[in-house]
Amino acid sequence: LLGLLAPLASAQLSREFYKASCPDAEKIVAAVIEKKLKEDPGPAAGLLRLLFHDCFANGCDASILIDPLSNQSAEKEAGPNISVRGFEVIDDIKKELEAKCPKTVSCADIVALGTRDAVRISGGPAYEVPTGRRDSLVSNREEADNNLPGPDIPIPKLTSEFLSRGFTPEEMVVLLAGGHSIGKVRCIFIEPDATPMDPGYQASISKLCDGPNRDTGFVNMDEHNPNVIDSSYFANVLAKKMPLTVDRLLGLDSKTTPIIKNMLNKPNDFMPTFAKAMEKLSVLKVITGKDGEIRKSCSEFNNPMPSTGGSVIRISSANPEDLEGLSSGGTQVAGIVSQGTKDPWHVKTLKAAGAAHPKKVTGRHPKLRGAHPQ
């Protein structure tokens, strides 16, 4: 059923969704991105990763943007998301849009559009981003912990994760190529001995990351052009000059190595393939129609539920009509009943895709897997 609903939801997106309600929406997004990246090209990598982590965990629904409450965690606090960047850029865009078109443009659309513009400005391809996404009503830390791949994930497992979301092995490789050709990675996530690394490159890594720099230092994903999206990734992978284990593993796997070699020999194929993969990523399990909401602030729900602890933050509402079709990609909330004035709405049942109630998470994820470019 979920497999049938996903294409249906993405089909409700439109290239002219805001033509009447906020005709300058995309121009406003582009203007903010251009200004930010002119000042500092670094946020481009952060936005790319922000989109990937939001969409891959449970759909492109802006659930990653929700701030945790005092005793209630949120997706933003999941291990893989600890070092995600770009939130302030999204907030700045939202402020501009709220001033021009209040309560109109979703945070999920802002993430998708902002990333598209950042990719283009950073030398990547231009690609289509239809709009009309709605923002989630649930932010589930556990789903992000369970669904986002780590920096040392085995390639067969990684391939399976991408295939389950509708991506081909080639699209998986080019998404990693685009995302890992810009930005920086923390030294703490670099494991030179996990897979073979070029000796000279390893020596340069050691200079940057040894001693006290192990916990605080950074290494460019591409040692020559860290702010430009290009096809140099493929040569770097085969030369064993990539800091992350997963990238070096791609160059050793019997099924992904031919893809990398083909892209290296046909560099003109990279941009259109990357564009197609980004288009697919940006519409993954979107919320549309009357589901979800349009947040006034991207970091909080319009009507947050009183904090009760645990790994999930949900919405509350004094209006039953606002709860119609309550969903967040594969996560649905049902069984809303009145509980009086102190807690007017209570979620009796929360069904995650393929799972029962989410387990309470009280501590940090045992291994911080947020090792992608910043």
Protein backbone atom coordinates (compact mmCIF):
# COMPACT_ATOMS: atom_id res chain seq x y z
CA LEU A 1 0.00 0.00 0.00
CA LEU A 2 2.77 2.45 0.91
CA GLY A 3 4.47 1.72 -2.40
CA LEU A 4 1.30 2.77 -4.23
CA LEU A 5 0.73 5.89 -2.15
CA ALA A 6 4.22 7.37 -2.69
CA PRO A 7 3.91 7.90 -6.48
CA LEU A 8 0.37 9.19 -5.97
CA ALA A 9 1.57 11.84 -3.52
CA SER A 10 4.46 12.99 -5.71
CA ALA A 11 2.08 13.23 -8.67
CA GLN A 12 0.20 15.95 -6.79
CA LEU A 13 3.25 18.21 -6.91
CA SER A 14 3.37 20.92 -9.56
CA ARG A 15 5.93 23.20 -11.17
CA GLU A 16 3.52 26.14 -10.76
CA PHE A 17 2.09 25.32 -7.35
CA TYR A 18 2.76 28.82 -5.97
CA LYS A 19 1.97 30.72 -9.17
CA ALA A 20 -1.13 32.33 -7.67
CA SER A 21 -0.47 32.17 -3.92
CA CYS A 22 3.20 33.27 -3.88
CA PRO A 23 4.51 33.93 -7.41
CA ASP A 24 7.95 35.12 -6.21
CA ALA A 25 8.55 32.12 -3.92
CA GLU A 26 11.30 30.49 -5.97
CA LYS A 27 12.97 33.85 -6.69
CA ILE A 28 13.09 34.58 -2.96
CA VAL A 29 14.63 31.18 -2.22
CA ALA A 30 17.23 31.61 -4.97
CA ALA A 31 18.15 35.13 -3.83
CA VAL A 32 18.83 34.02 -0.25
CA ILE A 33 20.87 31.00 -1.39
CA GLU A 34 22.94 33.09 -3.79
CA LYS A 35 23.68 35.65 -1.08
CA LYS A 36 24.64 32.98 1.47
CA LEU A 37 26.92 31.04 -0.88
CA LYS A 38 28.59 34.21 -2.13
CA GLU A 39 29.56 34.95 1.47
CA ASP A 40 30.54 31.34 2.19
CA PRO A 41 30.24 28.35 -0.19
CA GLY A 42 30.23 25.92 2.73
CA PRO A 43 26.45 25.73 3.32
CA ALA A 44 25.94 24.08 -0.10
CA ALA A 45 27.25 20.78 1.24
CA GLY A 46 25.16 21.22 4.38
CA LEU A 47 21.97 21.71 2.39
CA LEU A 48 22.68 18.68 0.20
CA ARG A 49 23.10 16.55 3.28
CA LEU A 50 20.09 18.13 4.99
CA LEU A 51 17.85 17.17 2.06
CA PHE A 52 19.25 13.64 1.91
CA HIS A 53 18.84 13.02 5.65
CA ASP A 54 15.32 14.43 5.67
CA CYS A 55 14.12 12.51 2.62
CA PHE A 56 15.94 9.23 3.24
CA ALA A 57 14.79 8.83 6.85
CA ASN A 58 11.04 9.04 6.27
CA GLY A 59 10.32 11.22 3.27
CA CYS A 60 10.84 14.85 2.25
CA ASP A 61 8.65 16.35 4.97
CA ALA A 62 10.93 18.77 6.88
CA SER A 63 10.72 16.58 10.00
CA ILE A 64 14.49 16.99 10.44
CA LEU A 65 14.00 20.72 11.08
CA ILE A 66 11.96 20.32 14.29
CA ASP A 67 13.77 21.35 17.48
CA PRO A 68 13.59 18.89 20.40
CA LEU A 69 11.69 19.81 23.54
CA SER A 70 13.10 19.76 27.07
CA ASN A 71 12.26 16.11 27.70
CA GLN A 72 11.24 14.97 24.24
CA SER A 73 13.68 14.15 21.47
CA ALA A 74 13.26 14.80 17.75
CA GLU A 75 14.73 13.64 14.46
CA LYS A 76 17.33 16.41 14.62
CA GLU A 77 18.93 14.67 17.63
CA ALA A 78 19.39 11.29 15.93
CA GLY A 79 22.99 10.09 15.79
CA PRO A 80 23.34 10.56 12.01
CA ASN A 81 21.94 14.10 12.26
CA ILE A 82 24.11 15.46 15.07
CA SER A 83 26.46 17.25 12.66
CA VAL A 84 23.92 18.20 9.98
CA ARG A 85 24.18 21.87 8.98
CA GLY A 86 22.11 24.35 7.00
CA PHE A 87 19.22 24.93 9.42
CA GLU A 88 19.92 28.65 9.72
CA VAL A 89 19.79 29.04 5.94
CA ILE A 90 16.34 27.44 5.84
CA ASP A 91 15.20 29.69 8.70
CA ASP A 92 16.37 32.81 6.84
CA ILE A 93 14.49 31.78 3.70
CA LYS A 94 11.36 31.04 5.73
CA LYS A 95 11.45 34.51 7.32
CA GLU A 96 11.65 36.14 3.89
CA LEU A 97 8.75 34.06 2.58
CA GLU A 98 6.57 34.61 5.65
CA ALA A 99 7.02 38.36 5.22
CA LYS A 100 5.93 38.12 1.58
CA CYS A 101 3.42 35.25 1.65
CA PRO A 102 2.41 34.26 5.21
CA LYS A 103 1.50 30.62 5.91
CA THR A 104 1.90 29.66 2.25
CA VAL A 105 5.25 28.04 1.40
CA SER A 106 6.11 24.83 3.23
CA CYS A 107 9.44 24.20 4.89
CA ALA A 108 9.71 20.94 2.94
CA ASP A 109 9.52 22.91 -0.32
CA ILE A 110 12.10 25.37 0.98
CA VAL A 111 14.57 22.55 1.67
CA ALA A 112 14.05 21.04 -1.78
CA LEU A 113 14.25 24.37 -3.64
CA GLY A 114 17.17 25.68 -1.60
CA THR A 115 19.18 22.53 -2.21
CA ARG A 116 18.45 22.69 -5.93
CA ASP A 117 19.76 26.26 -6.11
CA ALA A 118 22.81 25.42 -3.98
CA VAL A 119 23.67 22.52 -6.30
CA ARG A 120 23.42 24.75 -9.37
CA ILE A 121 25.50 27.56 -7.84
CA SER A 122 28.15 25.02 -6.78
CA GLY A 123 28.71 23.86 -10.35
CA GLY A 124 26.19 21.03 -10.36
CA PRO A 125 23.34 20.52 -12.81
CA ALA A 126 20.07 22.43 -12.95
CA TYR A 127 17.14 20.11 -12.30
CA GLU A 128 13.38 20.32 -11.84
CA VAL A 129 11.80 20.62 -8.40
CA PRO A 130 8.00 20.54 -8.42
CA THR A 131 6.37 22.09 -5.35
CA GLY A 132 3.37 21.49 -3.14
CA ARG A 133 4.96 19.47 -0.34
CA ARG A 134 3.43 19.74 3.11
CA ASP A 135 5.30 19.71 6.42
CA SER A 136 5.21 16.71 8.74
CA LEU A 137 3.27 16.50 11.99
CA VAL A 138 5.71 14.01 13.52
CA SER A 139 9.45 14.13 14.20
CA ASN A 140 10.79 10.69 15.13
CA ARG A 141 14.39 10.37 16.27
CA GLU A 142 14.32 6.58 16.18
CA GLU A 143 13.37 6.41 12.50
CA ALA A 144 16.36 8.56 11.59
CA ASP A 145 18.66 6.43 13.74
CA ASN A 146 17.39 3.28 12.05
CA ASN A 147 17.04 4.45 8.44
CA LEU A 148 20.08 6.61 7.70
CA PRO A 149 23.23 4.85 6.44
CA GLY A 150 26.51 5.22 8.32
CA PRO A 151 29.96 6.14 6.93
CA ASP A 152 31.18 2.55 7.03
CA ILE A 153 28.04 0.70 5.91
CA PRO A 154 28.75 -2.39 3.74
CA ILE A 155 28.01 -1.72 0.08
CA PRO A 156 25.45 -4.57 -0.31
CA LYS A 157 23.49 -3.14 2.63
CA LEU A 158 23.78 0.40 1.26
CA THR A 159 22.60 -0.76 -2.16
CA SER A 160 19.63 -2.51 -0.57
CA GLU A 161 18.66 0.70 1.27
CA PHE A 162 18.71 2.68 -1.97
CA LEU A 163 16.88 0.01 -3.96
CA SER A 164 14.10 -0.06 -1.37
CA ARG A 165 13.55 3.64 -2.05
CA GLY A 166 13.44 3.25 -5.81
CA PHE A 167 17.02 4.17 -6.75
CA THR A 168 19.20 2.18 -9.13
CA PRO A 169 22.80 1.30 -8.15
CA GLU A 170 24.01 3.91 -10.66
CA GLU A 171 21.82 6.60 -9.07
CA MET A 172 23.13 5.60 -5.64
CA VAL A 173 26.71 6.05 -6.80
CA VAL A 174 26.11 9.45 -8.42
CA LEU A 175 24.21 10.73 -5.36
CA LEU A 176 27.22 9.84 -3.23
CA ALA A 177 29.49 11.39 -5.85
CA GLY A 178 27.63 14.68 -5.83
CA GLY A 179 27.20 14.82 -2.08
CA HIS A 180 30.77 13.75 -1.31
CA SER A 181 32.54 15.96 -3.84
CA ILE A 182 31.96 19.10 -1.74
CA GLY A 183 32.17 19.99 1.91
CA LYS A 184 34.21 18.69 4.82
CA VAL A 185 34.14 15.71 7.14
CA ARG A 186 35.10 15.59 10.81
CA CYS A 187 38.36 13.81 11.56
CA ILE A 188 36.64 11.66 14.17
CA PHE A 189 34.73 9.85 11.40
CA ILE A 190 37.79 9.05 9.28
CA GLU A 191 39.10 5.49 9.64
CA PRO A 192 42.25 5.16 7.47
CA ASP A 193 42.82 1.52 8.43
CA ALA A 194 39.28 0.32 7.65
CA THR A 195 39.99 0.00 3.91
CA PRO A 196 43.10 0.70 1.80
CA MET A 197 44.02 4.38 1.46
CA ASP A 198 46.65 5.96 -0.76
CA PRO A 199 49.82 6.29 1.43
CA GLY A 200 50.49 9.90 0.46
CA TYR A 201 46.87 10.86 1.02
CA GLN A 202 46.84 9.04 4.35
CA ALA A 203 49.92 11.00 5.42
CA SER A 204 48.19 14.28 4.62
CA ILE A 205 45.12 13.14 6.57
CA SER A 206 47.31 12.30 9.56
CA LYS A 207 48.80 15.80 9.58
CA LEU A 208 45.32 17.28 9.77
CA CYS A 209 43.78 14.82 12.20
CA ASP A 210 46.43 13.45 14.55
CA GLY A 211 46.62 14.37 18.21
CA PRO A 212 44.16 16.93 19.56
CA ASN A 213 42.75 17.52 16.07
CA ARG A 214 41.18 14.06 16.11
CA ASP A 215 38.08 15.40 17.85
CA THR A 216 37.95 18.90 16.40
CA GLY A 217 39.60 18.84 12.96
CA PHE A 218 38.08 18.68 9.48
CA VAL A 219 39.21 17.31 6.13
CA ASN A 220 37.96 18.43 2.72
CA MET A 221 36.04 15.73 0.88
CA ASP A 222 37.86 16.73 -2.31
CA GLU A 223 41.38 17.93 -1.56
CA HIS A 224 41.56 20.04 -4.74
CA ASN A 225 38.06 21.51 -5.35
CA PRO A 226 36.05 21.18 -2.11
CA ASN A 227 33.41 23.73 -3.15
CA VAL A 228 32.66 22.49 -6.67
CA ILE A 229 30.35 19.62 -7.62
CA ASP A 230 32.11 17.73 -10.39
CA SER A 231 33.09 14.25 -11.54
CA SER A 232 36.47 14.23 -9.78
CA TYR A 233 34.92 11.95 -7.14
CA PHE A 234 35.27 8.91 -9.39
CA ALA A 235 39.01 9.35 -9.92
CA ASN A 236 39.49 10.02 -6.21
CA VAL A 237 37.62 6.84 -5.26
CA LEU A 238 39.68 4.64 -7.57
CA ALA A 239 42.87 6.35 -6.37
CA LYS A 240 41.83 5.59 -2.76
CA LYS A 241 41.93 9.30 -1.94
CA MET A 242 38.60 9.66 -0.14
CA PRO A 243 38.36 10.21 3.62
CA LEU A 244 35.17 8.21 4.27
CA THR A 245 35.26 4.43 4.38
CA VAL A 246 32.03 4.02 2.40
CA ASP A 247 33.51 5.85 -0.60
CA ARG A 248 36.62 3.68 -0.64
CA LEU A 249 34.42 0.59 -0.30
CA LEU A 250 32.56 1.63 -3.46
CA GLY A 251 35.85 1.40 -5.33
CA LEU A 252 36.39 -2.16 -4.10
CA ASP A 253 32.91 -3.63 -4.57
CA SER A 254 32.46 -5.80 -7.68
CA LYS A 255 29.07 -4.26 -8.52
CA THR A 256 29.81 -0.58 -7.95
CA THR A 257 33.38 -0.42 -9.29
CA PRO A 258 32.20 -0.82 -12.93
CA ILE A 259 29.77 2.08 -12.42
CA ILE A 260 32.57 4.27 -11.11
CA LYS A 261 34.88 3.34 -13.99
CA ASN A 262 32.13 4.01 -16.52
CA MET A 263 31.50 7.46 -15.03
CA LEU A 264 35.22 8.15 -15.06
CA ASN A 265 35.46 7.23 -18.74
CA LYS A 266 32.28 9.14 -19.64
CA PRO A 267 32.38 12.26 -17.44
CA ASN A 268 29.59 13.92 -19.42
CA ASP A 269 27.18 11.27 -18.11
CA PHE A 270 27.58 12.39 -14.50
CA MET A 271 25.61 15.66 -14.52
CA PRO A 272 22.41 14.39 -16.19
CA THR A 273 22.43 11.21 -14.08
CA PHE A 274 22.98 13.22 -10.91
CA ALA A 275 20.16 15.60 -11.90
CA LYS A 276 17.75 12.70 -12.40
CA ALA A 277 18.73 11.18 -9.05
CA MET A 278 18.25 14.50 -7.25
CA GLU A 279 14.81 14.90 -8.81
CA LYS A 280 13.84 11.47 -7.47
CA LEU A 281 15.31 12.19 -4.05
CA SER A 282 13.43 15.48 -3.69
CA VAL A 283 10.01 13.83 -4.15
CA LEU A 284 10.62 10.80 -1.94
CA LYS A 285 7.52 10.00 0.16
CA VAL A 286 6.24 13.57 0.15
CA ILE A 287 3.14 14.78 1.99
CA THR A 288 0.59 16.61 -0.15
CA GLY A 289 -3.03 17.75 -0.27
CA LYS A 290 -4.64 18.23 3.14
CA ASP A 291 -2.15 16.05 5.03
CA GLY A 292 0.47 17.67 7.24
CA GLU A 293 0.62 21.43 7.67
CA ILE A 294 2.37 24.60 6.50
CA ARG A 295 4.55 25.58 9.45
CA LYS A 296 4.88 29.21 10.45
CA SER A 297 8.34 28.41 11.81
CA CYS A 298 10.33 25.54 10.35
CA SER A 299 11.76 24.47 13.70
CA GLU A 300 8.44 23.89 15.46
CA PHE A 301 4.96 22.58 14.78
CA ASN A 302 2.14 25.09 14.64
CA ASN A 303 0.43 23.31 17.57
CA PRO A 304 2.98 21.18 19.45
CA MET A 305 1.65 18.55 21.83
CA PRO A 306 2.55 18.89 25.52
CA SER A 307 5.89 17.19 26.18
CA THR A 308 5.66 13.69 27.63
CA GLY A 309 9.15 12.34 26.98
CA GLY A 310 10.35 9.80 24.46
CA SER A 311 11.74 9.77 20.96
CA VAL A 312 8.81 11.31 19.10
CA ILE A 313 7.45 14.84 18.98
CA ARG A 314 3.90 15.14 17.65
CA ILE A 315 1.42 17.91 16.96
CA SER A 316 -1.61 18.79 19.00
CA SER A 317 -4.70 20.65 17.90
CA ALA A 318 -7.80 22.17 19.40
CA ASN A 319 -9.55 21.67 16.08
CA PRO A 320 -10.37 18.10 14.98
CA GLU A 321 -10.44 19.24 11.36
CA ASP A 322 -6.73 20.09 11.59
CA LEU A 323 -6.03 16.44 12.34
CA GLU A 324 -7.71 15.09 9.22
CA GLY A 325 -5.32 12.91 7.25
CA LEU A 326 -2.63 13.26 9.89
CA SER A 327 0.49 11.71 8.41
CA SER A 328 4.20 12.08 7.82
CA GLY A 329 5.28 10.01 4.85
CA GLY A 330 5.24 6.46 6.15
CA THR A 331 4.34 7.53 9.68
CA GLN A 332 0.67 7.94 10.52
CA VAL A 333 -1.03 9.02 13.70
CA ALA A 334 -4.53 7.79 14.44
CA GLY A 335 -6.98 7.34 17.29
CA ILE A 336 -7.21 10.97 18.39
CA VAL A 337 -9.55 11.36 21.37
CA SER A 338 -10.48 14.27 23.61
CA GLN A 339 -8.73 14.24 26.99
CA GLY A 340 -9.95 17.45 28.61
CA THR A 341 -8.40 20.89 28.96
CA LYS A 342 -4.96 19.93 30.28
CA ASP A 343 -4.18 17.65 27.34
CA PRO A 344 -6.92 18.30 24.76
CA TRP A 345 -5.71 15.73 22.27
CA HIS A 346 -3.94 12.48 22.90
CA VAL A 347 -2.37 10.19 20.34
CA LYS A 348 -3.50 6.69 21.26
CA THR A 349 -1.89 4.95 18.33
CA LEU A 350 1.21 5.83 16.36
CA LYS A 351 1.95 3.47 13.50
CA ALA A 352 5.36 3.72 11.90
CA ALA A 353 5.86 2.14 8.50
CA GLY A 354 6.36 -1.55 9.14
CA ALA A 355 6.65 -1.10 12.90
CA ALA A 356 4.59 -0.78 16.06
CA HIS A 357 4.85 2.05 18.59
CA PRO A 358 8.29 3.70 18.54
CA LYS A 359 10.45 2.71 21.47
CA LYS A 360 11.45 5.32 23.98
CA VAL A 361 14.97 6.57 23.41
CA THR A 362 16.58 8.01 26.50
CA GLY A 363 20.26 8.24 25.58
CA ARG A 364 22.49 9.19 22.68
CA HIS A 365 22.82 6.86 19.74
CA PRO A 366 25.67 4.44 20.53
CA LYS A 367 27.60 5.46 17.43
CA LEU A 368 27.41 8.91 15.86
CA ARG A 369 26.89 8.12 12.22
CA GLY A 370 26.62 11.71 11.01
CA ALA A 371 29.80 11.59 9.02
CA HIS A 372 28.88 13.21 5.76
CA PRO A 373 30.02 16.57 4.37
CA GLN A 374 29.20 19.79 6.19
